[in-house]
Amino acid sequence: MLIRYKKSYEKIAMGLLSFVPSEKELKKLQETIKNYEEEDHWQLFLWKEEEDIIGIIGVSVEDDRAYLRHVSVNPSHRGLGVGRKMVSALQRLLGEKYTIVPTDLTEAFYEKCLKEDEG
């Protein structure tokens, strides 16, 4: 289930975001978390299964588009469809109001999700 990020999840969120190749540097990671905390149009969600937070997905919203900025799943839960579940849940959450648009960094993963949904 998707839950909205809040400050108390900061360490978990930073840990999950650190798996994203573009977020390896601590300074960049801190800047990204700051954007999600302070910028109204940046929205971060965590994926919780049972009692564990195992994934994270983040978007920046502009007009009628939600740009998919970050998707990360705990390595021990990869290959189980968690990322695809997060994208689907995000689409349901955003509804008709926003169209999800991948960035260069998330495009390959997003396209893979779409193909798996079609198949």
N, C-alpha and C. Protein backbone atom coordinates (compact mmCIF):
# COMPACT_ATOMS: atom_id res chain seq x y z
N MET A 1 0.84 -1.17 0.00
CA MET A 1 0.00 0.00 0.00
C MET A 1 0.89 1.24 0.00
N LEU A 2 0.47 2.24 -0.74
CA LEU A 2 1.21 3.51 -0.78
C LEU A 2 0.88 4.34 0.44
N ILE A 3 1.90 4.90 1.04
CA ILE A 3 1.70 5.86 2.13
C ILE A 3 2.52 7.10 1.81
N ARG A 4 1.97 8.24 2.15
CA ARG A 4 2.64 9.51 1.86
C ARG A 4 3.85 9.68 2.78
N TYR A 5 4.93 10.17 2.20
CA TYR A 5 6.15 10.43 2.96
C TYR A 5 5.90 11.49 4.02
N LYS A 6 6.50 11.28 5.17
CA LYS A 6 6.57 12.31 6.20
C LYS A 6 7.94 12.24 6.84
N LYS A 7 8.33 13.28 7.53
CA LYS A 7 9.68 13.43 8.07
C LYS A 7 10.13 12.23 8.90
N SER A 8 9.21 11.59 9.61
CA SER A 8 9.59 10.45 10.45
C SER A 8 10.09 9.26 9.63
N TYR A 9 9.83 9.26 8.32
CA TYR A 9 10.30 8.20 7.43
C TYR A 9 11.61 8.57 6.72
N GLU A 10 12.22 9.67 7.12
CA GLU A 10 13.37 10.18 6.38
C GLU A 10 14.50 9.16 6.19
N LYS A 11 14.90 8.46 7.24
CA LYS A 11 16.01 7.51 7.12
C LYS A 11 15.65 6.35 6.21
N ILE A 12 14.44 5.84 6.32
CA ILE A 12 13.99 4.76 5.45
C ILE A 12 13.98 5.24 4.00
N ALA A 13 13.42 6.44 3.79
CA ALA A 13 13.33 6.99 2.43
C ALA A 13 14.72 7.20 1.84
N MET A 14 15.64 7.74 2.63
CA MET A 14 17.00 7.96 2.13
C MET A 14 17.68 6.62 1.80
N GLY A 15 17.44 5.62 2.62
CA GLY A 15 18.02 4.30 2.36
C GLY A 15 17.52 3.73 1.04
N LEU A 16 16.22 3.83 0.80
CA LEU A 16 15.65 3.31 -0.44
C LEU A 16 16.08 4.14 -1.65
N LEU A 17 16.10 5.46 -1.49
CA LEU A 17 16.53 6.32 -2.60
C LEU A 17 18.01 6.12 -2.94
N SER A 18 18.80 5.70 -1.95
CA SER A 18 20.23 5.51 -2.21
C SER A 18 20.50 4.37 -3.20
N PHE A 19 19.49 3.52 -3.45
CA PHE A 19 19.64 2.47 -4.46
C PHE A 19 19.48 3.00 -5.88
N VAL A 20 18.96 4.22 -6.02
CA VAL A 20 18.80 4.84 -7.34
C VAL A 20 20.18 5.35 -7.78
N PRO A 21 20.65 4.93 -8.95
CA PRO A 21 22.01 5.31 -9.37
C PRO A 21 22.30 6.81 -9.31
N SER A 22 21.34 7.65 -9.64
CA SER A 22 21.58 9.09 -9.64
C SER A 22 21.62 9.68 -8.23
N GLU A 23 21.32 8.88 -7.21
CA GLU A 23 21.24 9.37 -5.83
C GLU A 23 22.34 8.78 -4.94
N LYS A 24 23.40 8.30 -5.53
CA LYS A 24 24.46 7.65 -4.77
C LYS A 24 25.22 8.61 -3.85
N GLU A 25 25.44 9.85 -4.31
CA GLU A 25 26.16 10.83 -3.50
C GLU A 25 25.26 11.35 -2.38
N LEU A 26 25.81 11.41 -1.17
CA LEU A 26 25.03 11.85 -0.01
C LEU A 26 24.45 13.25 -0.21
N LYS A 27 25.25 14.17 -0.75
CA LYS A 27 24.78 15.54 -0.95
C LYS A 27 23.57 15.57 -1.90
N LYS A 28 23.63 14.81 -2.98
CA LYS A 28 22.53 14.75 -3.94
C LYS A 28 21.30 14.12 -3.29
N LEU A 29 21.51 13.07 -2.53
CA LEU A 29 20.42 12.39 -1.83
C LEU A 29 19.73 13.34 -0.85
N GLN A 30 20.50 14.09 -0.09
CA GLN A 30 19.93 15.06 0.87
C GLN A 30 19.15 16.15 0.14
N GLU A 31 19.67 16.59 -1.00
CA GLU A 31 18.98 17.61 -1.81
C GLU A 31 17.64 17.07 -2.32
N THR A 32 17.62 15.82 -2.75
CA THR A 32 16.39 15.20 -3.25
C THR A 32 15.35 15.10 -2.14
N ILE A 33 15.75 14.62 -0.98
CA ILE A 33 14.82 14.51 0.16
C ILE A 33 14.29 15.90 0.53
N LYS A 34 15.16 16.90 0.51
CA LYS A 34 14.74 18.27 0.82
C LYS A 34 13.68 18.74 -0.18
N ASN A 35 13.86 18.42 -1.46
CA ASN A 35 12.85 18.79 -2.46
C ASN A 35 11.51 18.15 -2.14
N TYR A 36 11.52 16.87 -1.80
CA TYR A 36 10.27 16.18 -1.47
C TYR A 36 9.62 16.75 -0.21
N GLU A 37 10.43 17.21 0.74
CA GLU A 37 9.89 17.77 1.98
C GLU A 37 9.38 19.19 1.82
N GLU A 38 10.05 19.99 0.99
CA GLU A 38 9.75 21.43 0.95
C GLU A 38 8.98 21.91 -0.27
N GLU A 39 9.08 21.20 -1.38
CA GLU A 39 8.42 21.64 -2.61
C GLU A 39 7.03 21.01 -2.70
N ASP A 40 6.01 21.85 -2.80
CA ASP A 40 4.63 21.35 -2.85
C ASP A 40 4.38 20.45 -4.04
N HIS A 41 5.04 20.71 -5.16
CA HIS A 41 4.77 19.92 -6.36
C HIS A 41 5.58 18.62 -6.43
N TRP A 42 6.46 18.38 -5.46
CA TRP A 42 7.19 17.12 -5.37
C TRP A 42 6.47 16.25 -4.35
N GLN A 43 6.11 15.02 -4.74
CA GLN A 43 5.38 14.13 -3.86
C GLN A 43 6.07 12.78 -3.79
N LEU A 44 6.31 12.31 -2.58
CA LEU A 44 7.01 11.06 -2.36
C LEU A 44 6.10 10.10 -1.60
N PHE A 45 6.10 8.85 -2.04
CA PHE A 45 5.28 7.82 -1.41
C PHE A 45 6.15 6.60 -1.10
N LEU A 46 5.82 5.94 -0.01
CA LEU A 46 6.52 4.72 0.36
C LEU A 46 5.56 3.55 0.16
N TRP A 47 6.11 2.40 -0.13
CA TRP A 47 5.31 1.19 -0.35
C TRP A 47 5.49 0.28 0.86
N LYS A 48 4.37 -0.02 1.50
CA LYS A 48 4.39 -0.84 2.71
C LYS A 48 3.67 -2.15 2.45
N GLU A 49 4.33 -3.24 2.78
CA GLU A 49 3.72 -4.57 2.73
C GLU A 49 3.86 -5.16 4.12
N GLU A 50 2.73 -5.56 4.69
CA GLU A 50 2.68 -6.02 6.07
C GLU A 50 3.26 -4.91 6.95
N GLU A 51 4.34 -5.17 7.66
CA GLU A 51 4.91 -4.15 8.55
C GLU A 51 6.14 -3.46 7.97
N ASP A 52 6.55 -3.87 6.78
CA ASP A 52 7.81 -3.37 6.22
C ASP A 52 7.60 -2.38 5.08
N ILE A 53 8.41 -1.33 5.09
CA ILE A 53 8.45 -0.40 3.96
C ILE A 53 9.55 -0.91 3.04
N ILE A 54 9.15 -1.29 1.82
CA ILE A 54 10.10 -1.96 0.92
C ILE A 54 10.33 -1.22 -0.40
N GLY A 55 9.62 -0.11 -0.60
CA GLY A 55 9.79 0.61 -1.85
C GLY A 55 9.46 2.08 -1.70
N ILE A 56 9.84 2.82 -2.71
CA ILE A 56 9.59 4.26 -2.71
C ILE A 56 9.34 4.72 -4.14
N ILE A 57 8.44 5.67 -4.31
CA ILE A 57 8.14 6.21 -5.64
C ILE A 57 7.87 7.71 -5.48
N GLY A 58 8.47 8.50 -6.36
CA GLY A 58 8.32 9.95 -6.25
C GLY A 58 8.03 10.61 -7.58
N VAL A 59 7.19 11.64 -7.52
CA VAL A 59 6.82 12.39 -8.71
C VAL A 59 6.93 13.89 -8.45
N SER A 60 7.04 14.63 -9.52
CA SER A 60 6.87 16.09 -9.44
C SER A 60 5.71 16.41 -10.37
N VAL A 61 4.81 17.21 -9.87
CA VAL A 61 3.56 17.49 -10.58
C VAL A 61 3.62 18.88 -11.21
N GLU A 62 3.30 18.92 -12.49
CA GLU A 62 3.21 20.20 -13.22
C GLU A 62 1.99 20.12 -14.12
N ASP A 63 1.10 21.07 -13.95
CA ASP A 63 -0.15 21.12 -14.72
C ASP A 63 -0.88 19.78 -14.61
N ASP A 64 -1.06 19.07 -15.70
CA ASP A 64 -1.79 17.80 -15.66
C ASP A 64 -0.86 16.60 -15.77
N ARG A 65 0.43 16.81 -15.50
CA ARG A 65 1.41 15.73 -15.61
C ARG A 65 2.10 15.47 -14.27
N ALA A 66 2.35 14.20 -14.02
CA ALA A 66 3.12 13.79 -12.85
C ALA A 66 4.38 13.11 -13.38
N TYR A 67 5.50 13.80 -13.25
CA TYR A 67 6.76 13.27 -13.77
C TYR A 67 7.34 12.26 -12.77
N LEU A 68 7.49 11.03 -13.23
CA LEU A 68 8.00 9.96 -12.40
C LEU A 68 9.50 10.15 -12.21
N ARG A 69 9.90 10.61 -11.05
CA ARG A 69 11.30 10.96 -10.77
C ARG A 69 12.10 9.81 -10.19
N HIS A 70 11.50 9.08 -9.26
CA HIS A 70 12.23 8.03 -8.57
C HIS A 70 11.35 6.80 -8.34
N VAL A 71 11.94 5.65 -8.54
CA VAL A 71 11.31 4.37 -8.20
C VAL A 71 12.44 3.50 -7.65
N SER A 72 12.23 2.96 -6.46
CA SER A 72 13.25 2.11 -5.88
C SER A 72 12.59 1.05 -5.00
N VAL A 73 13.12 -0.15 -5.09
CA VAL A 73 12.63 -1.27 -4.29
C VAL A 73 13.82 -1.88 -3.56
N ASN A 74 13.61 -2.24 -2.31
CA ASN A 74 14.64 -2.91 -1.53
C ASN A 74 15.14 -4.11 -2.34
N PRO A 75 16.46 -4.26 -2.48
CA PRO A 75 17.00 -5.34 -3.31
C PRO A 75 16.48 -6.74 -2.97
N SER A 76 16.17 -6.99 -1.72
CA SER A 76 15.69 -8.33 -1.35
C SER A 76 14.24 -8.57 -1.79
N HIS A 77 13.58 -7.54 -2.30
CA HIS A 77 12.20 -7.67 -2.78
C HIS A 77 12.07 -7.43 -4.28
N ARG A 78 13.18 -7.32 -4.97
CA ARG A 78 13.15 -7.06 -6.41
C ARG A 78 12.74 -8.31 -7.18
N GLY A 79 12.17 -8.09 -8.35
CA GLY A 79 11.76 -9.20 -9.20
C GLY A 79 10.43 -9.81 -8.79
N LEU A 80 9.74 -9.19 -7.85
CA LEU A 80 8.47 -9.72 -7.34
C LEU A 80 7.28 -8.87 -7.77
N GLY A 81 7.52 -7.87 -8.62
CA GLY A 81 6.43 -7.03 -9.11
C GLY A 81 6.09 -5.86 -8.21
N VAL A 82 6.92 -5.58 -7.22
CA VAL A 82 6.66 -4.48 -6.29
C VAL A 82 6.66 -3.14 -7.02
N GLY A 83 7.64 -2.92 -7.88
CA GLY A 83 7.71 -1.65 -8.62
C GLY A 83 6.47 -1.44 -9.47
N ARG A 84 6.03 -2.50 -10.15
CA ARG A 84 4.83 -2.41 -10.98
C ARG A 84 3.60 -2.12 -10.11
N LYS A 85 3.52 -2.74 -8.93
CA LYS A 85 2.40 -2.47 -8.02
C LYS A 85 2.41 -1.00 -7.59
N MET A 86 3.61 -0.46 -7.33
CA MET A 86 3.70 0.94 -6.92
C MET A 86 3.22 1.86 -8.03
N VAL A 87 3.65 1.59 -9.27
CA VAL A 87 3.22 2.43 -10.40
C VAL A 87 1.70 2.35 -10.57
N SER A 88 1.14 1.15 -10.49
CA SER A 88 -0.31 0.99 -10.63
C SER A 88 -1.07 1.72 -9.52
N ALA A 89 -0.57 1.59 -8.29
CA ALA A 89 -1.22 2.27 -7.16
C ALA A 89 -1.13 3.79 -7.32
N LEU A 90 0.02 4.26 -7.81
CA LEU A 90 0.19 5.70 -8.04
C LEU A 90 -0.79 6.19 -9.11
N GLN A 91 -0.96 5.41 -10.17
CA GLN A 91 -1.91 5.78 -11.22
C GLN A 91 -3.32 5.88 -10.65
N ARG A 92 -3.70 4.91 -9.81
CA ARG A 92 -5.03 4.95 -9.19
C ARG A 92 -5.17 6.18 -8.28
N LEU A 93 -4.12 6.47 -7.52
CA LEU A 93 -4.14 7.60 -6.60
C LEU A 93 -4.27 8.93 -7.35
N LEU A 94 -3.53 9.07 -8.43
CA LEU A 94 -3.55 10.31 -9.20
C LEU A 94 -4.80 10.43 -10.06
N GLY A 95 -5.40 9.28 -10.37
CA GLY A 95 -6.65 9.24 -11.12
C GLY A 95 -6.57 9.92 -12.47
N GLU A 96 -7.67 10.53 -12.83
CA GLU A 96 -7.78 11.20 -14.13
C GLU A 96 -7.10 12.56 -14.13
N LYS A 97 -6.77 13.05 -12.94
CA LYS A 97 -6.23 14.41 -12.82
C LYS A 97 -4.84 14.57 -13.45
N TYR A 98 -4.02 13.51 -13.34
CA TYR A 98 -2.64 13.59 -13.83
C TYR A 98 -2.30 12.39 -14.71
N THR A 99 -1.47 12.66 -15.70
CA THR A 99 -0.90 11.60 -16.53
C THR A 99 0.53 11.39 -16.06
N ILE A 100 0.89 10.15 -15.80
CA ILE A 100 2.26 9.86 -15.39
C ILE A 100 3.17 9.90 -16.62
N VAL A 101 4.24 10.66 -16.49
CA VAL A 101 5.21 10.81 -17.57
C VAL A 101 6.59 10.44 -17.00
N PRO A 102 7.25 9.44 -17.56
CA PRO A 102 8.57 9.07 -17.04
C PRO A 102 9.63 10.10 -17.42
N THR A 103 10.65 10.19 -16.60
CA THR A 103 11.82 11.01 -16.93
C THR A 103 12.81 10.09 -17.65
N ASP A 104 13.91 10.65 -18.10
CA ASP A 104 14.94 9.83 -18.75
C ASP A 104 15.40 8.69 -17.83
N LEU A 105 15.48 8.98 -16.53
CA LEU A 105 15.97 7.98 -15.58
C LEU A 105 14.96 6.87 -15.29
N THR A 106 13.67 7.15 -15.46
CA THR A 106 12.64 6.15 -15.11
C THR A 106 11.94 5.57 -16.33
N GLU A 107 12.28 6.05 -17.52
CA GLU A 107 11.57 5.64 -18.73
C GLU A 107 11.63 4.14 -19.00
N ALA A 108 12.81 3.54 -18.92
CA ALA A 108 12.93 2.11 -19.22
C ALA A 108 12.09 1.28 -18.25
N PHE A 109 12.13 1.62 -16.97
CA PHE A 109 11.34 0.88 -15.99
C PHE A 109 9.84 1.08 -16.24
N TYR A 110 9.43 2.30 -16.51
CA TYR A 110 8.02 2.60 -16.74
C TYR A 110 7.50 1.85 -17.98
N GLU A 111 8.28 1.84 -19.04
CA GLU A 111 7.88 1.12 -20.26
C GLU A 111 7.75 -0.37 -19.97
N LYS A 112 8.64 -0.91 -19.17
CA LYS A 112 8.57 -2.32 -18.79
C LYS A 112 7.27 -2.60 -18.03
N CYS A 113 6.90 -1.71 -17.14
CA CYS A 113 5.64 -1.86 -16.38
C CYS A 113 4.44 -1.88 -17.33
N LEU A 114 4.44 -1.00 -18.31
CA LEU A 114 3.33 -0.93 -19.25
C LEU A 114 3.24 -2.21 -20.07
N LYS A 115 4.37 -2.74 -20.52
CA LYS A 115 4.38 -3.97 -21.31
C LYS A 115 3.88 -5.15 -20.48
N GLU A 116 4.28 -5.21 -19.21
CA GLU A 116 3.84 -6.31 -18.35
C GLU A 116 2.35 -6.21 -18.08
N ASP A 117 1.82 -4.99 -17.96
CA ASP A 117 0.38 -4.82 -17.76
C ASP A 117 -0.42 -5.26 -18.98
N GLU A 118 0.17 -5.03 -20.18
CA GLU A 118 -0.50 -5.41 -21.42
C GLU A 118 -0.48 -6.93 -21.59
N GLY A 119 0.63 -7.54 -21.18
CA GLY A 119 0.83 -8.98 -21.37
C GLY A 119 0.05 -9.77 -20.41
